[in-house]
């Protein structure tokens, strides 16, 4: 994603549970190893997801603060589509994300927006660090609660879903 919103794929617990009932295995690569993610909700997963969505809103508000206002909606729509396409957000979450971004921007004065733009490098470092911490939290949950599996014969190591025949 152009904003670097995540380096890991994420599949919500309800989707994992549904796919499990259909015989699918949801697997994620973490540090070169592949883990089957449990079909049930992992401890701390809901809190992680809420923190992730808040972080995404903050990240995008800071991003848009540097852009002309007439580009905000178009850029927001592009990111929404990409977030859904890459399965970072569900459609309903995308609506909440967009509303959060727009409400946050409306609360900022012109001088607030200018201050965000002027301090962009500092904000980028802080938000990158916070995003990496969120990725590490998810990876930790997957390692702690998932089951390590060997890569399939197809050699794919990234997000994969395989339906048993």
N, C-alpha and C. Protein backbone atom coordinates (compact mmCIF):
# COMPACT_ATOMS: atom_id res chain seq x y z
N UNK A 1 0.85 -1.17 0.00
CA UNK A 1 0.00 0.00 0.00
C UNK A 1 0.89 1.23 0.00
N UNK A 2 0.51 2.25 -0.69
CA UNK A 2 1.39 3.40 -0.84
C UNK A 2 1.69 4.11 0.47
N UNK A 3 0.88 3.91 1.48
CA UNK A 3 1.14 4.54 2.77
C UNK A 3 1.86 3.61 3.73
N UNK A 4 2.22 2.43 3.29
CA UNK A 4 2.90 1.49 4.16
C UNK A 4 2.04 1.10 5.34
N UNK A 5 0.78 0.78 5.08
CA UNK A 5 -0.15 0.51 6.17
C UNK A 5 0.05 -0.84 6.82
N UNK A 6 0.64 -1.79 6.15
CA UNK A 6 0.88 -3.08 6.79
C UNK A 6 1.80 -3.91 5.93
N UNK A 7 2.63 -4.69 6.60
CA UNK A 7 3.51 -5.62 5.90
C UNK A 7 2.99 -7.04 6.03
N UNK A 8 2.00 -7.23 6.88
CA UNK A 8 1.42 -8.54 7.09
C UNK A 8 -0.01 -8.55 6.57
N UNK A 9 -0.42 -9.70 6.08
CA UNK A 9 -1.82 -9.86 5.70
C UNK A 9 -2.62 -10.09 6.98
N UNK A 10 -3.89 -9.76 6.94
CA UNK A 10 -4.73 -10.00 8.11
C UNK A 10 -6.07 -10.52 7.63
N UNK A 11 -6.55 -11.56 8.29
CA UNK A 11 -7.87 -12.12 7.99
C UNK A 11 -8.62 -12.16 9.32
N UNK A 12 -9.77 -11.47 9.41
CA UNK A 12 -10.53 -11.45 10.67
C UNK A 12 -10.95 -12.85 11.11
N UNK A 13 -11.15 -12.98 12.42
CA UNK A 13 -11.50 -14.28 13.01
C UNK A 13 -12.77 -14.88 12.41
N UNK A 14 -13.78 -14.05 12.16
CA UNK A 14 -15.02 -14.60 11.59
C UNK A 14 -14.78 -15.17 10.20
N UNK A 15 -13.94 -14.51 9.43
CA UNK A 15 -13.61 -15.02 8.09
C UNK A 15 -12.79 -16.30 8.21
N UNK A 16 -11.84 -16.31 9.14
CA UNK A 16 -11.04 -17.53 9.34
C UNK A 16 -11.93 -18.70 9.76
N UNK A 17 -12.89 -18.43 10.65
CA UNK A 17 -13.79 -19.49 11.11
C UNK A 17 -14.63 -20.03 9.95
N UNK A 18 -15.13 -19.13 9.12
CA UNK A 18 -15.93 -19.55 7.96
C UNK A 18 -15.09 -20.37 7.00
N UNK A 19 -13.89 -19.89 6.70
CA UNK A 19 -13.03 -20.60 5.77
C UNK A 19 -12.62 -21.96 6.33
N UNK A 20 -12.42 -22.04 7.63
CA UNK A 20 -12.07 -23.30 8.27
C UNK A 20 -13.20 -24.32 8.08
N UNK A 21 -14.43 -23.86 8.22
CA UNK A 21 -15.58 -24.75 8.01
C UNK A 21 -15.63 -25.27 6.58
N UNK A 22 -15.05 -24.49 5.67
CA UNK A 22 -15.01 -24.90 4.26
C UNK A 22 -13.76 -25.71 3.94
N UNK A 23 -12.95 -25.96 4.95
CA UNK A 23 -11.74 -26.76 4.76
C UNK A 23 -10.52 -25.96 4.37
N UNK A 24 -10.58 -24.64 4.47
CA UNK A 24 -9.46 -23.80 4.07
C UNK A 24 -8.50 -23.58 5.23
N UNK A 25 -7.23 -23.42 4.89
CA UNK A 25 -6.21 -23.10 5.88
C UNK A 25 -5.74 -21.68 5.59
N UNK A 26 -5.81 -20.81 6.58
CA UNK A 26 -5.31 -19.45 6.44
C UNK A 26 -3.92 -19.44 7.06
N UNK A 27 -2.93 -19.06 6.27
CA UNK A 27 -1.55 -19.08 6.76
C UNK A 27 -0.89 -17.74 6.50
N UNK A 28 -0.02 -17.34 7.41
CA UNK A 28 0.75 -16.11 7.27
C UNK A 28 2.23 -16.42 7.42
N UNK A 29 3.04 -15.66 6.70
CA UNK A 29 4.48 -15.78 6.85
C UNK A 29 4.94 -14.76 7.88
N UNK A 30 5.71 -15.22 8.85
CA UNK A 30 6.29 -14.34 9.85
C UNK A 30 7.76 -14.71 9.97
N UNK A 31 8.63 -13.77 9.67
CA UNK A 31 10.08 -13.99 9.75
C UNK A 31 10.52 -15.23 8.97
N UNK A 32 9.96 -15.42 7.79
CA UNK A 32 10.35 -16.53 6.94
C UNK A 32 9.71 -17.86 7.27
N UNK A 33 8.92 -17.92 8.32
CA UNK A 33 8.24 -19.15 8.71
C UNK A 33 6.74 -18.99 8.46
N UNK A 34 6.08 -20.10 8.15
CA UNK A 34 4.65 -20.05 7.85
C UNK A 34 3.87 -20.63 9.02
N UNK A 35 2.83 -19.89 9.40
CA UNK A 35 1.97 -20.30 10.51
C UNK A 35 0.53 -20.37 10.05
N UNK A 36 -0.13 -21.47 10.37
CA UNK A 36 -1.58 -21.56 10.18
C UNK A 36 -2.20 -20.75 11.30
N UNK A 37 -3.04 -19.80 10.93
CA UNK A 37 -3.66 -18.92 11.92
C UNK A 37 -4.91 -19.62 12.46
N UNK A 38 -5.13 -19.57 13.78
CA UNK A 38 -6.30 -20.26 14.33
C UNK A 38 -7.60 -19.69 13.77
N UNK A 39 -8.60 -20.56 13.67
CA UNK A 39 -9.89 -20.11 13.16
C UNK A 39 -10.67 -19.31 14.20
N UNK A 40 -10.28 -19.41 15.44
CA UNK A 40 -10.94 -18.65 16.51
C UNK A 40 -10.20 -17.32 16.72
N UNK A 41 -10.86 -16.42 17.41
CA UNK A 41 -10.25 -15.13 17.75
C UNK A 41 -9.07 -15.36 18.69
N UNK A 42 -7.95 -14.73 18.36
CA UNK A 42 -6.77 -14.85 19.21
C UNK A 42 -6.86 -13.84 20.36
N UNK A 43 -6.34 -14.18 21.55
CA UNK A 43 -6.34 -13.22 22.65
C UNK A 43 -5.63 -11.93 22.23
N UNK A 44 -6.28 -10.80 22.46
CA UNK A 44 -5.72 -9.50 22.11
C UNK A 44 -5.99 -9.06 20.68
N UNK A 45 -6.64 -9.89 19.90
CA UNK A 45 -6.85 -9.58 18.48
C UNK A 45 -7.78 -8.39 18.27
N UNK A 46 -8.87 -8.32 19.02
CA UNK A 46 -9.81 -7.21 18.85
C UNK A 46 -9.14 -5.89 19.24
N UNK A 47 -8.40 -5.91 20.33
CA UNK A 47 -7.70 -4.70 20.77
C UNK A 47 -6.66 -4.28 19.73
N UNK A 48 -5.96 -5.27 19.17
CA UNK A 48 -4.98 -4.97 18.13
C UNK A 48 -5.66 -4.34 16.93
N UNK A 49 -6.79 -4.90 16.51
CA UNK A 49 -7.50 -4.40 15.34
C UNK A 49 -7.97 -2.97 15.55
N UNK A 50 -8.51 -2.67 16.73
CA UNK A 50 -8.95 -1.30 17.03
C UNK A 50 -7.76 -0.34 17.01
N UNK A 51 -6.65 -0.75 17.61
CA UNK A 51 -5.44 0.09 17.61
C UNK A 51 -4.93 0.28 16.19
N UNK A 52 -5.00 -0.76 15.37
CA UNK A 52 -4.56 -0.69 13.99
C UNK A 52 -5.40 0.32 13.20
N UNK A 53 -6.71 0.26 13.38
CA UNK A 53 -7.57 1.20 12.65
C UNK A 53 -7.33 2.64 13.10
N UNK A 54 -7.14 2.85 14.41
CA UNK A 54 -6.83 4.20 14.90
C UNK A 54 -5.52 4.69 14.30
N UNK A 55 -4.54 3.81 14.24
CA UNK A 55 -3.24 4.17 13.67
C UNK A 55 -3.40 4.53 12.19
N UNK A 56 -4.21 3.75 11.46
CA UNK A 56 -4.42 4.05 10.04
C UNK A 56 -5.03 5.44 9.85
N UNK A 57 -5.99 5.78 10.71
CA UNK A 57 -6.61 7.11 10.62
C UNK A 57 -5.55 8.18 10.87
N UNK A 58 -4.77 8.02 11.94
CA UNK A 58 -3.71 9.00 12.23
C UNK A 58 -2.73 9.11 11.07
N UNK A 59 -2.32 7.98 10.53
CA UNK A 59 -1.35 7.95 9.43
C UNK A 59 -1.89 8.71 8.24
N UNK A 60 -3.15 8.50 7.93
CA UNK A 60 -3.71 9.13 6.75
C UNK A 60 -4.00 10.61 6.96
N UNK A 61 -4.40 10.99 8.17
CA UNK A 61 -4.59 12.41 8.46
C UNK A 61 -3.27 13.15 8.26
N UNK A 62 -2.19 12.59 8.77
CA UNK A 62 -0.87 13.22 8.61
C UNK A 62 -0.46 13.27 7.14
N UNK A 63 -0.80 12.23 6.40
CA UNK A 63 -0.49 12.19 4.97
C UNK A 63 -1.26 13.28 4.22
N UNK A 64 -2.56 13.37 4.48
CA UNK A 64 -3.38 14.35 3.76
C UNK A 64 -3.06 15.79 4.16
N UNK A 65 -2.58 16.00 5.37
CA UNK A 65 -2.25 17.36 5.81
C UNK A 65 -1.21 18.00 4.90
N UNK A 66 -0.44 17.21 4.20
CA UNK A 66 0.60 17.72 3.29
C UNK A 66 0.09 17.90 1.87
N UNK A 67 -1.12 17.50 1.63
CA UNK A 67 -1.68 17.54 0.28
C UNK A 67 -2.67 18.69 0.17
N UNK A 68 -2.85 19.21 -1.04
CA UNK A 68 -3.88 20.24 -1.24
C UNK A 68 -5.26 19.66 -0.90
N UNK A 69 -6.11 20.48 -0.31
CA UNK A 69 -7.44 20.02 0.11
C UNK A 69 -8.25 19.44 -1.04
N UNK A 70 -8.06 19.96 -2.24
CA UNK A 70 -8.85 19.46 -3.37
C UNK A 70 -8.44 18.04 -3.78
N UNK A 71 -7.35 17.51 -3.23
CA UNK A 71 -6.92 16.13 -3.52
C UNK A 71 -7.36 15.15 -2.43
N UNK A 72 -7.89 15.64 -1.33
CA UNK A 72 -8.19 14.78 -0.19
C UNK A 72 -9.17 13.66 -0.51
N UNK A 73 -10.30 14.01 -1.09
CA UNK A 73 -11.35 13.00 -1.32
C UNK A 73 -10.88 11.97 -2.34
N UNK A 74 -10.27 12.43 -3.43
CA UNK A 74 -9.78 11.49 -4.45
C UNK A 74 -8.75 10.54 -3.87
N UNK A 75 -7.82 11.08 -3.11
CA UNK A 75 -6.78 10.25 -2.50
C UNK A 75 -7.39 9.29 -1.49
N UNK A 76 -8.35 9.76 -0.71
CA UNK A 76 -9.02 8.90 0.27
C UNK A 76 -9.73 7.74 -0.42
N UNK A 77 -10.40 8.02 -1.53
CA UNK A 77 -11.09 6.96 -2.27
C UNK A 77 -10.11 5.92 -2.82
N UNK A 78 -8.95 6.39 -3.29
CA UNK A 78 -7.92 5.46 -3.79
C UNK A 78 -7.42 4.54 -2.68
N UNK A 79 -7.17 5.11 -1.51
CA UNK A 79 -6.67 4.32 -0.39
C UNK A 79 -7.74 3.36 0.11
N UNK A 80 -8.99 3.81 0.14
CA UNK A 80 -10.11 2.93 0.53
C UNK A 80 -10.14 1.69 -0.37
N UNK A 81 -10.10 1.92 -1.67
CA UNK A 81 -10.17 0.80 -2.62
C UNK A 81 -8.99 -0.15 -2.44
N UNK A 82 -7.81 0.41 -2.25
CA UNK A 82 -6.64 -0.43 -2.07
C UNK A 82 -6.69 -1.20 -0.75
N UNK A 83 -7.19 -0.56 0.30
CA UNK A 83 -7.29 -1.23 1.60
C UNK A 83 -8.24 -2.43 1.53
N UNK A 84 -9.34 -2.27 0.82
CA UNK A 84 -10.29 -3.38 0.68
C UNK A 84 -9.69 -4.45 -0.24
N UNK A 85 -9.10 -4.02 -1.34
CA UNK A 85 -8.52 -4.97 -2.30
C UNK A 85 -7.43 -5.81 -1.65
N UNK A 86 -6.59 -5.19 -0.84
CA UNK A 86 -5.50 -5.92 -0.19
C UNK A 86 -5.94 -6.56 1.12
N UNK A 87 -7.22 -6.50 1.39
CA UNK A 87 -7.84 -7.14 2.55
C UNK A 87 -7.31 -6.59 3.87
N UNK A 88 -6.91 -5.33 3.88
CA UNK A 88 -6.52 -4.70 5.13
C UNK A 88 -7.74 -4.26 5.92
N UNK A 89 -8.82 -3.91 5.20
CA UNK A 89 -10.06 -3.49 5.84
C UNK A 89 -11.25 -4.14 5.15
N UNK A 90 -12.27 -4.42 5.94
CA UNK A 90 -13.55 -4.83 5.38
C UNK A 90 -14.29 -3.58 4.92
N UNK A 91 -15.30 -3.73 4.09
CA UNK A 91 -16.04 -2.56 3.59
C UNK A 91 -16.57 -1.69 4.72
N UNK A 92 -17.17 -2.30 5.74
CA UNK A 92 -17.73 -1.53 6.84
C UNK A 92 -16.62 -0.80 7.61
N UNK A 93 -15.46 -1.43 7.72
CA UNK A 93 -14.33 -0.78 8.39
C UNK A 93 -13.81 0.39 7.57
N UNK A 94 -13.86 0.25 6.26
CA UNK A 94 -13.40 1.32 5.38
C UNK A 94 -14.26 2.57 5.56
N UNK A 95 -15.57 2.37 5.72
CA UNK A 95 -16.46 3.51 5.96
C UNK A 95 -16.09 4.21 7.27
N UNK A 96 -15.83 3.44 8.32
CA UNK A 96 -15.44 4.03 9.60
C UNK A 96 -14.10 4.73 9.48
N UNK A 97 -13.17 4.14 8.76
CA UNK A 97 -11.85 4.73 8.52
C UNK A 97 -12.00 6.09 7.83
N UNK A 98 -12.76 6.11 6.74
CA UNK A 98 -12.93 7.35 5.97
C UNK A 98 -13.61 8.43 6.80
N UNK A 99 -14.65 8.06 7.53
CA UNK A 99 -15.33 9.04 8.38
C UNK A 99 -14.38 9.55 9.45
N UNK A 100 -13.58 8.67 10.03
CA UNK A 100 -12.61 9.08 11.04
C UNK A 100 -11.59 10.06 10.49
N UNK A 101 -11.12 9.80 9.29
CA UNK A 101 -10.15 10.70 8.65
C UNK A 101 -10.79 12.06 8.41
N UNK A 102 -11.97 12.07 7.80
CA UNK A 102 -12.62 13.34 7.47
C UNK A 102 -12.99 14.13 8.72
N UNK A 103 -13.51 13.46 9.76
CA UNK A 103 -13.84 14.15 11.01
C UNK A 103 -12.58 14.73 11.66
N UNK A 104 -11.50 13.97 11.64
CA UNK A 104 -10.25 14.45 12.22
C UNK A 104 -9.73 15.67 11.47
N UNK A 105 -9.81 15.63 10.15
CA UNK A 105 -9.35 16.77 9.35
C UNK A 105 -10.21 18.00 9.58
N UNK A 106 -11.53 17.80 9.74
CA UNK A 106 -12.43 18.94 9.97
C UNK A 106 -12.13 19.64 11.28
N UNK A 107 -11.61 18.89 12.25
CA UNK A 107 -11.29 19.48 13.56
C UNK A 107 -10.02 20.31 13.54
N UNK A 108 -9.25 20.23 12.46
CA UNK A 108 -7.97 20.93 12.39
C UNK A 108 -8.12 22.29 11.71
N UNK A 109 -7.51 23.29 12.29
CA UNK A 109 -7.49 24.62 11.68
C UNK A 109 -6.41 24.64 10.59
N UNK A 110 -6.38 25.71 9.82
CA UNK A 110 -5.35 25.86 8.79
C UNK A 110 -3.96 25.85 9.41
N UNK A 111 -3.82 26.49 10.56
CA UNK A 111 -2.51 26.51 11.23
C UNK A 111 -2.14 25.12 11.76
N UNK A 112 -3.15 24.35 12.22
CA UNK A 112 -2.88 22.97 12.66
C UNK A 112 -2.39 22.12 11.49
N UNK A 113 -3.04 22.28 10.34
CA UNK A 113 -2.64 21.53 9.15
C UNK A 113 -1.22 21.91 8.73
N UNK A 114 -0.93 23.20 8.80
CA UNK A 114 0.41 23.66 8.43
C UNK A 114 1.46 23.10 9.39
N UNK A 115 1.13 23.06 10.68
CA UNK A 115 2.04 22.50 11.68
C UNK A 115 2.31 21.02 11.40
N UNK A 116 1.26 20.27 11.07
CA UNK A 116 1.45 18.86 10.72
C UNK A 116 2.35 18.71 9.50
N UNK A 117 2.13 19.55 8.49
CA UNK A 117 2.95 19.50 7.28
C UNK A 117 4.40 19.87 7.59
N UNK A 118 4.60 20.88 8.42
CA UNK A 118 5.95 21.31 8.77
C UNK A 118 6.72 20.26 9.56
N UNK A 119 6.01 19.49 10.35
CA UNK A 119 6.64 18.46 11.18
C UNK A 119 6.49 17.06 10.58
N UNK A 120 6.33 17.00 9.27
CA UNK A 120 6.04 15.73 8.60
C UNK A 120 7.10 14.67 8.86
N UNK A 121 8.37 15.05 8.81
CA UNK A 121 9.43 14.05 9.00
C UNK A 121 9.35 13.43 10.39
N UNK A 122 9.11 14.25 11.40
CA UNK A 122 8.99 13.74 12.77
C UNK A 122 7.78 12.81 12.90
N UNK A 123 6.66 13.23 12.32
CA UNK A 123 5.44 12.41 12.38
C UNK A 123 5.63 11.09 11.63
N UNK A 124 6.32 11.15 10.49
CA UNK A 124 6.55 9.93 9.72
C UNK A 124 7.35 8.91 10.51
N UNK A 125 8.37 9.37 11.21
CA UNK A 125 9.19 8.46 12.02
C UNK A 125 8.36 7.85 13.14
N UNK A 126 7.58 8.69 13.83
CA UNK A 126 6.76 8.20 14.95
C UNK A 126 5.70 7.23 14.45
N UNK A 127 5.04 7.55 13.35
CA UNK A 127 3.99 6.69 12.82
C UNK A 127 4.56 5.39 12.24
N UNK A 128 5.74 5.47 11.63
CA UNK A 128 6.38 4.25 11.13
C UNK A 128 6.69 3.32 12.29
N UNK A 129 7.23 3.88 13.36
CA UNK A 129 7.56 3.08 14.54
C UNK A 129 6.30 2.46 15.15
N UNK A 130 5.24 3.24 15.24
CA UNK A 130 3.98 2.72 15.79
C UNK A 130 3.40 1.63 14.89
N UNK A 131 3.52 1.80 13.57
CA UNK A 131 3.05 0.78 12.63
C UNK A 131 3.84 -0.51 12.75
N UNK A 132 5.16 -0.38 12.91
CA UNK A 132 6.00 -1.57 13.09
C UNK A 132 5.65 -2.28 14.39
N UNK A 133 5.35 -1.52 15.43
CA UNK A 133 4.96 -2.13 16.71
C UNK A 133 3.64 -2.90 16.55
N UNK A 134 2.71 -2.34 15.78
CA UNK A 134 1.45 -3.05 15.52
C UNK A 134 1.68 -4.33 14.72
N UNK A 135 2.54 -4.24 13.70
CA UNK A 135 2.88 -5.44 12.93
C UNK A 135 3.50 -6.50 13.84
N UNK A 136 4.38 -6.06 14.75
CA UNK A 136 5.03 -6.99 15.67
C UNK A 136 4.02 -7.62 16.63
N UNK A 137 3.04 -6.83 17.07
CA UNK A 137 1.99 -7.39 17.93
C UNK A 137 1.22 -8.49 17.21
N UNK A 138 0.83 -8.23 15.96
CA UNK A 138 0.11 -9.23 15.18
C UNK A 138 0.99 -10.46 14.97
N UNK A 139 2.24 -10.24 14.60
CA UNK A 139 3.16 -11.36 14.39
C UNK A 139 3.29 -12.18 15.67
N UNK A 140 3.38 -11.52 16.80
CA UNK A 140 3.47 -12.22 18.08
C UNK A 140 2.25 -13.07 18.36
N UNK A 141 1.08 -12.53 18.04
CA UNK A 141 -0.16 -13.30 18.23
C UNK A 141 -0.16 -14.54 17.33
N UNK A 142 0.25 -14.35 16.08
CA UNK A 142 0.26 -15.46 15.13
C UNK A 142 1.25 -16.54 15.58
N UNK A 143 2.43 -16.13 16.03
CA UNK A 143 3.43 -17.09 16.51
C UNK A 143 2.93 -17.80 17.76
N UNK A 144 2.35 -17.05 18.68
CA UNK A 144 1.90 -17.63 19.95
C UNK A 144 0.69 -18.55 19.80
N UNK A 145 -0.21 -18.21 18.91
CA UNK A 145 -1.48 -18.94 18.83
C UNK A 145 -1.67 -19.73 17.54
N UNK A 146 -0.78 -19.51 16.57
CA UNK A 146 -0.86 -20.26 15.33
C UNK A 146 -0.07 -21.56 15.42
N UNK A 147 -0.12 -22.30 14.35
CA UNK A 147 0.60 -23.57 14.26
C UNK A 147 1.58 -23.48 13.11
N UNK A 148 2.84 -23.75 13.38
CA UNK A 148 3.85 -23.69 12.33
C UNK A 148 3.62 -24.80 11.32
N UNK A 149 3.67 -24.43 10.04
CA UNK A 149 3.48 -25.40 8.96
C UNK A 149 4.62 -25.26 7.96
N UNK A 150 4.85 -26.31 7.22
CA UNK A 150 5.87 -26.28 6.17
C UNK A 150 5.27 -25.64 4.92
N UNK A 151 6.10 -24.94 4.14
CA UNK A 151 5.57 -24.34 2.91
C UNK A 151 5.06 -25.43 1.97
N UNK A 152 4.04 -25.06 1.20
CA UNK A 152 3.48 -26.00 0.23
C UNK A 152 4.44 -26.24 -0.92
N UNK A 153 4.12 -27.19 -1.74
CA UNK A 153 4.98 -27.52 -2.88
C UNK A 153 5.04 -26.40 -3.90
N UNK A 154 4.05 -25.51 -3.86
CA UNK A 154 4.03 -24.42 -4.83
C UNK A 154 5.05 -23.33 -4.50
N UNK A 155 5.69 -23.41 -3.33
CA UNK A 155 6.73 -22.47 -2.96
C UNK A 155 6.23 -21.14 -2.45
N UNK A 156 4.93 -20.93 -2.39
CA UNK A 156 4.40 -19.66 -1.90
C UNK A 156 4.66 -19.55 -0.40
N UNK A 157 5.12 -18.38 0.01
CA UNK A 157 5.39 -18.19 1.43
C UNK A 157 4.53 -17.07 2.01
N UNK A 158 3.88 -16.33 1.18
CA UNK A 158 3.07 -15.23 1.68
C UNK A 158 1.65 -15.73 1.94
N UNK A 159 0.76 -14.78 2.27
CA UNK A 159 -0.63 -15.15 2.55
C UNK A 159 -1.13 -16.14 1.52
N UNK A 160 -1.70 -17.20 1.99
CA UNK A 160 -2.23 -18.20 1.07
C UNK A 160 -3.44 -18.87 1.69
N UNK A 161 -4.29 -19.35 0.86
CA UNK A 161 -5.47 -20.06 1.31
C UNK A 161 -5.60 -21.28 0.41
N UNK A 162 -5.70 -22.42 1.01
CA UNK A 162 -5.79 -23.65 0.25
C UNK A 162 -7.03 -24.40 0.69
N UNK A 163 -7.89 -24.72 -0.25
CA UNK A 163 -9.10 -25.48 0.07
C UNK A 163 -8.79 -26.95 -0.16
N UNK A 164 -9.02 -27.74 0.88
CA UNK A 164 -8.78 -29.18 0.77
C UNK A 164 -9.77 -29.80 -0.20
N UNK A 165 -9.32 -30.75 -1.03
CA UNK A 165 -10.23 -31.37 -2.00
C UNK A 165 -11.28 -32.24 -1.33
